[in-house]
């Protein structure tokens, strides 16, 4: 396995390292370690599902100019969006929902734009700015709903 063989791969490793470290050392506000684990795994699964459909079914974009999935692709898809989602849910405040939605939408857009600008991601039938409404819907509506759902007692166990 060759390391750093694709254009822009350094950007992927940098994003992954920073995002994982941030999740590990961030103060726990809305989430406990269990909540972090659940949010991380759930978000990673959603990202894998939607990115796989976007890449293989609709061929909207390619990562690192190849057809196969490399380690850097897997880590990018599995860790960076999940980290961003976990950070969002952990710090989210309903009274500042618009600010959170705009800031995290902008952050996600800039990170995706970096993937394109540094040559790691190639858009086919997709423009980077198409992600803005998608990110906004996710951060304004989906993750606040998810936090409410996560906060409810979903299982009743009696001993």
C-alpha atoms as a PDB file:
ATOM      1  CA  UNK A   1       0.000   0.000   0.000  1.00  0.00           C
ATOM      2  CA  UNK A   2       1.430   3.288  -1.088  1.00  0.00           C
ATOM      3  CA  UNK A   3       0.892   6.282   1.154  1.00  0.00           C
ATOM      4  CA  UNK A   4       0.143   9.759  -0.258  1.00  0.00           C
ATOM      5  CA  UNK A   5       0.020   8.601  -3.869  1.00  0.00           C
ATOM      6  CA  UNK A   6      -2.966  10.733  -4.900  1.00  0.00           C
ATOM      7  CA  UNK A   7      -3.224  14.451  -5.434  1.00  0.00           C
ATOM      8  CA  UNK A   8      -4.705  16.162  -2.384  1.00  0.00           C
ATOM      9  CA  UNK A   9      -4.407  13.080  -0.188  1.00  0.00           C
ATOM     10  CA  UNK A  10      -2.525  15.112   2.429  1.00  0.00           C
ATOM     11  CA  UNK A  11      -5.710  17.210   2.812  1.00  0.00           C
ATOM     12  CA  UNK A  12      -7.774  14.092   3.567  1.00  0.00           C
ATOM     13  CA  UNK A  13      -5.335  12.870   6.230  1.00  0.00           C
ATOM     14  CA  UNK A  14      -5.199  16.346   7.772  1.00  0.00           C
ATOM     15  CA  UNK A  15      -9.005  16.622   7.921  1.00  0.00           C
ATOM     16  CA  UNK A  16      -9.334  13.163   9.381  1.00  0.00           C
ATOM     17  CA  UNK A  17      -6.690  13.698  12.058  1.00  0.00           C
ATOM     18  CA  UNK A  18      -8.036  17.082  13.156  1.00  0.00           C
ATOM     19  CA  UNK A  19     -11.674  15.969  13.203  1.00  0.00           C
ATOM     20  CA  UNK A  20     -11.028  12.801  15.211  1.00  0.00           C
ATOM     21  CA  UNK A  21      -8.790  14.598  17.695  1.00  0.00           C
ATOM     22  CA  UNK A  22     -11.413  17.310  18.137  1.00  0.00           C
ATOM     23  CA  UNK A  23     -14.126  14.729  18.876  1.00  0.00           C
ATOM     24  CA  UNK A  24     -11.878  13.017  21.422  1.00  0.00           C
ATOM     25  CA  UNK A  25     -10.886  16.172  23.318  1.00  0.00           C
ATOM     26  CA  UNK A  26     -14.007  18.351  22.963  1.00  0.00           C
ATOM     27  CA  UNK A  27     -15.935  19.150  26.144  1.00  0.00           C
ATOM     28  CA  UNK A  28     -19.005  16.963  26.387  1.00  0.00           C
ATOM     29  CA  UNK A  29     -22.073  19.251  26.285  1.00  0.00           C
ATOM     30  CA  UNK A  30     -25.114  17.435  24.865  1.00  0.00           C
ATOM     31  CA  UNK A  31     -23.527  14.010  24.458  1.00  0.00           C
ATOM     32  CA  UNK A  32     -21.916  11.450  26.722  1.00  0.00           C
ATOM     33  CA  UNK A  33     -19.345   8.991  25.363  1.00  0.00           C
ATOM     34  CA  UNK A  34     -22.225   6.621  24.552  1.00  0.00           C
ATOM     35  CA  UNK A  35     -24.046   9.406  22.685  1.00  0.00           C
ATOM     36  CA  UNK A  36     -20.846  10.249  20.828  1.00  0.00           C
ATOM     37  CA  UNK A  37     -20.423   6.613  19.805  1.00  0.00           C
ATOM     38  CA  UNK A  38     -24.043   6.282  18.662  1.00  0.00           C
ATOM     39  CA  UNK A  39     -23.960   9.579  16.744  1.00  0.00           C
ATOM     40  CA  UNK A  40     -20.605   8.785  15.163  1.00  0.00           C
ATOM     41  CA  UNK A  41     -21.601   5.298  13.988  1.00  0.00           C
ATOM     42  CA  UNK A  42     -25.044   6.437  12.810  1.00  0.00           C
ATOM     43  CA  UNK A  43     -23.600   9.404  10.876  1.00  0.00           C
ATOM     44  CA  UNK A  44     -20.835   7.299   9.339  1.00  0.00           C
ATOM     45  CA  UNK A  45     -23.431   4.787   8.154  1.00  0.00           C
ATOM     46  CA  UNK A  46     -25.563   7.507   6.582  1.00  0.00           C
ATOM     47  CA  UNK A  47     -22.529   9.025   4.886  1.00  0.00           C
ATOM     48  CA  UNK A  48     -21.403   5.670   3.495  1.00  0.00           C
ATOM     49  CA  UNK A  49     -24.903   4.979   2.178  1.00  0.00           C
ATOM     50  CA  UNK A  50     -25.426   8.332   0.471  1.00  0.00           C
ATOM     51  CA  UNK A  51     -21.872   8.669  -0.852  1.00  0.00           C
ATOM     52  CA  UNK A  52     -21.971   5.143  -2.272  1.00  0.00           C
ATOM     53  CA  UNK A  53     -25.242   5.892  -4.047  1.00  0.00           C
ATOM     54  CA  UNK A  54     -23.906   9.260  -5.276  1.00  0.00           C
ATOM     55  CA  UNK A  55     -20.625   7.796  -6.533  1.00  0.00           C
ATOM     56  CA  UNK A  56     -21.552   4.384  -7.895  1.00  0.00           C
ATOM     57  CA  UNK A  57     -25.180   4.704  -8.940  1.00  0.00           C
ATOM     58  CA  UNK A  58     -25.297   8.290 -10.207  1.00  0.00           C
ATOM     59  CA  UNK A  59     -21.546   8.857 -10.790  1.00  0.00           C
ATOM     60  CA  UNK A  60     -21.837  12.414  -9.425  1.00  0.00           C
ATOM     61  CA  UNK A  61     -18.245  12.550  -8.215  1.00  0.00           C
ATOM     62  CA  UNK A  62     -15.033  10.537  -7.903  1.00  0.00           C
ATOM     63  CA  UNK A  63     -12.452  10.472  -5.156  1.00  0.00           C
ATOM     64  CA  UNK A  64      -8.730  10.438  -5.995  1.00  0.00           C
ATOM     65  CA  UNK A  65      -9.333   9.853  -9.727  1.00  0.00           C
ATOM     66  CA  UNK A  66     -10.015   6.153  -9.464  1.00  0.00           C
ATOM     67  CA  UNK A  67     -12.800   3.639  -9.360  1.00  0.00           C
ATOM     68  CA  UNK A  68     -11.741   1.525  -6.374  1.00  0.00           C
ATOM     69  CA  UNK A  69     -12.012   2.608  -2.756  1.00  0.00           C
ATOM     70  CA  UNK A  70      -8.647   3.341  -1.149  1.00  0.00           C
ATOM     71  CA  UNK A  71      -7.861   3.625   2.556  1.00  0.00           C
ATOM     72  CA  UNK A  72      -7.908   7.424   2.380  1.00  0.00           C
ATOM     73  CA  UNK A  73     -11.381   7.320   0.757  1.00  0.00           C
ATOM     74  CA  UNK A  74     -12.720   4.983   3.411  1.00  0.00           C
ATOM     75  CA  UNK A  75     -11.357   7.108   6.234  1.00  0.00           C
ATOM     76  CA  UNK A  76     -12.567  10.333   4.617  1.00  0.00           C
ATOM     77  CA  UNK A  77     -16.097   9.006   4.127  1.00  0.00           C
ATOM     78  CA  UNK A  78     -16.221   7.171   7.449  1.00  0.00           C
ATOM     79  CA  UNK A  79     -14.653   9.665   9.826  1.00  0.00           C
ATOM     80  CA  UNK A  80     -14.798  13.291   8.682  1.00  0.00           C
ATOM     81  CA  UNK A  81     -18.586  13.723   8.147  1.00  0.00           C
ATOM     82  CA  UNK A  82     -19.287  11.608  11.237  1.00  0.00           C
ATOM     83  CA  UNK A  83     -16.958  13.818  13.283  1.00  0.00           C
ATOM     84  CA  UNK A  84     -18.619  16.988  12.005  1.00  0.00           C
ATOM     85  CA  UNK A  85     -22.060  15.565  12.818  1.00  0.00           C
ATOM     86  CA  UNK A  86     -20.937  14.509  16.291  1.00  0.00           C
ATOM     87  CA  UNK A  87     -19.427  17.927  16.998  1.00  0.00           C
ATOM     88  CA  UNK A  88     -22.629  19.599  15.784  1.00  0.00           C
ATOM     89  CA  UNK A  89     -24.932  17.452  17.925  1.00  0.00           C
ATOM     90  CA  UNK A  90     -22.662  17.826  20.949  1.00  0.00           C
ATOM     91  CA  UNK A  91     -22.605  21.643  20.873  1.00  0.00           C
ATOM     92  CA  UNK A  92     -26.061  22.336  19.369  1.00  0.00           C
ATOM     93  CA  UNK A  93     -28.265  24.839  21.226  1.00  0.00           C
ATOM     94  CA  UNK A  94     -31.904  25.197  20.112  1.00  0.00           C
ATOM     95  CA  UNK A  95     -31.891  28.941  20.874  1.00  0.00           C
ATOM     96  CA  UNK A  96     -29.048  29.360  18.332  1.00  0.00           C
ATOM     97  CA  UNK A  97     -30.314  26.884  15.747  1.00  0.00           C
ATOM     98  CA  UNK A  98     -29.960  29.261  12.774  1.00  0.00           C
ATOM     99  CA  UNK A  99     -26.387  30.183  13.672  1.00  0.00           C
ATOM    100  CA  UNK A 100     -25.442  26.515  14.081  1.00  0.00           C
ATOM    101  CA  UNK A 101     -27.109  25.598  10.771  1.00  0.00           C
ATOM    102  CA  UNK A 102     -25.328  28.384   8.868  1.00  0.00           C
ATOM    103  CA  UNK A 103     -21.907  27.844  10.463  1.00  0.00           C
ATOM    104  CA  UNK A 104     -21.882  24.071   9.945  1.00  0.00           C
ATOM    105  CA  UNK A 105     -23.298  24.413   6.417  1.00  0.00           C
ATOM    106  CA  UNK A 106     -20.489  26.835   5.596  1.00  0.00           C
ATOM    107  CA  UNK A 107     -17.897  24.574   7.253  1.00  0.00           C
ATOM    108  CA  UNK A 108     -19.068  21.524   5.297  1.00  0.00           C
ATOM    109  CA  UNK A 109     -19.120  23.469   2.035  1.00  0.00           C
ATOM    110  CA  UNK A 110     -15.594  24.831   2.583  1.00  0.00           C
ATOM    111  CA  UNK A 111     -14.235  21.371   3.447  1.00  0.00           C
ATOM    112  CA  UNK A 112     -15.831  19.855   0.331  1.00  0.00           C
ATOM    113  CA  UNK A 113     -14.537  22.759  -1.766  1.00  0.00           C
ATOM    114  CA  UNK A 114     -11.063  22.005  -0.398  1.00  0.00           C
ATOM    115  CA  UNK A 115     -11.344  18.412  -1.615  1.00  0.00           C
ATOM    116  CA  UNK A 116     -12.096  19.697  -5.110  1.00  0.00           C
ATOM    117  CA  UNK A 117      -9.522  22.504  -5.087  1.00  0.00           C
ATOM    118  CA  UNK A 118      -6.708  20.249  -3.869  1.00  0.00           C
ATOM    119  CA  UNK A 119      -7.540  17.692  -6.560  1.00  0.00           C
ATOM    120  CA  UNK A 120      -8.755  14.813  -4.399  1.00  0.00           C
ATOM    121  CA  UNK A 121     -12.395  15.012  -5.507  1.00  0.00           C
ATOM    122  CA  UNK A 122     -13.583  15.367  -9.093  1.00  0.00           C
ATOM    123  CA  UNK A 123     -17.163  16.442  -9.738  1.00  0.00           C
ATOM    124  CA  UNK A 124     -18.936  14.789 -12.671  1.00  0.00           C
ATOM    125  CA  UNK A 125     -22.632  15.686 -12.589  1.00  0.00           C
ATOM    126  CA  UNK A 126     -22.279  17.643  -9.386  1.00  0.00           C
ATOM    127  CA  UNK A 127     -21.198  21.176  -8.535  1.00  0.00           C
ATOM    128  CA  UNK A 128     -19.749  21.774  -5.089  1.00  0.00           C
ATOM    129  CA  UNK A 129     -22.285  24.462  -4.278  1.00  0.00           C
ATOM    130  CA  UNK A 130     -25.128  21.918  -4.754  1.00  0.00           C
ATOM    131  CA  UNK A 131     -24.199  20.650  -1.310  1.00  0.00           C
ATOM    132  CA  UNK A 132     -25.198  23.905   0.408  1.00  0.00           C
ATOM    133  CA  UNK A 133     -28.974  23.207   0.538  1.00  0.00           C
ATOM    134  CA  UNK A 134     -28.303  19.564   1.414  1.00  0.00           C
ATOM    135  CA  UNK A 135     -26.036  20.539   4.310  1.00  0.00           C
ATOM    136  CA  UNK A 136     -28.473  23.209   5.456  1.00  0.00           C
ATOM    137  CA  UNK A 137     -31.401  20.762   5.590  1.00  0.00           C
ATOM    138  CA  UNK A 138     -29.288  18.246   7.484  1.00  0.00           C
ATOM    139  CA  UNK A 139     -28.052  20.783  10.043  1.00  0.00           C
ATOM    140  CA  UNK A 140     -31.260  22.812  10.392  1.00  0.00           C
ATOM    141  CA  UNK A 141     -33.776  19.981  10.532  1.00  0.00           C
ATOM    142  CA  UNK A 142     -32.319  16.471  10.665  1.00  0.00           C
ATOM    143  CA  UNK A 143     -29.710  16.698  13.437  1.00  0.00           C
ATOM    144  CA  UNK A 144     -31.870  18.786  15.821  1.00  0.00           C
ATOM    145  CA  UNK A 145     -34.571  16.129  15.397  1.00  0.00           C
ATOM    146  CA  UNK A 146     -31.953  13.416  15.913  1.00  0.00           C
ATOM    147  CA  UNK A 147     -30.789  15.052  19.175  1.00  0.00           C
ATOM    148  CA  UNK A 148     -34.386  15.151  20.456  1.00  0.00           C
ATOM    149  CA  UNK A 149     -34.798  11.495  19.535  1.00  0.00           C
ATOM    150  CA  UNK A 150     -31.496  10.585  21.169  1.00  0.00           C
ATOM    151  CA  UNK A 151     -32.496  12.469  24.332  1.00  0.00           C
ATOM    152  CA  UNK A 152     -35.688  10.446  24.821  1.00  0.00           C
ATOM    153  CA  UNK A 153     -35.723   7.269  26.796  1.00  0.00           C
ATOM    154  CA  UNK A 154     -36.234   4.852  23.935  1.00  0.00           C
ATOM    155  CA  UNK A 155     -36.104   1.595  25.859  1.00  0.00           C
ATOM    156  CA  UNK A 156     -37.825   0.671  29.093  1.00  0.00           C
ATOM    157  CA  UNK A 157     -36.000  -2.002  31.027  1.00  0.00           C
ATOM    158  CA  UNK A 158     -37.235  -3.303  34.355  1.00  0.00           C
ATOM    159  CA  UNK A 159     -35.136  -5.489  36.593  1.00  0.00           C
END
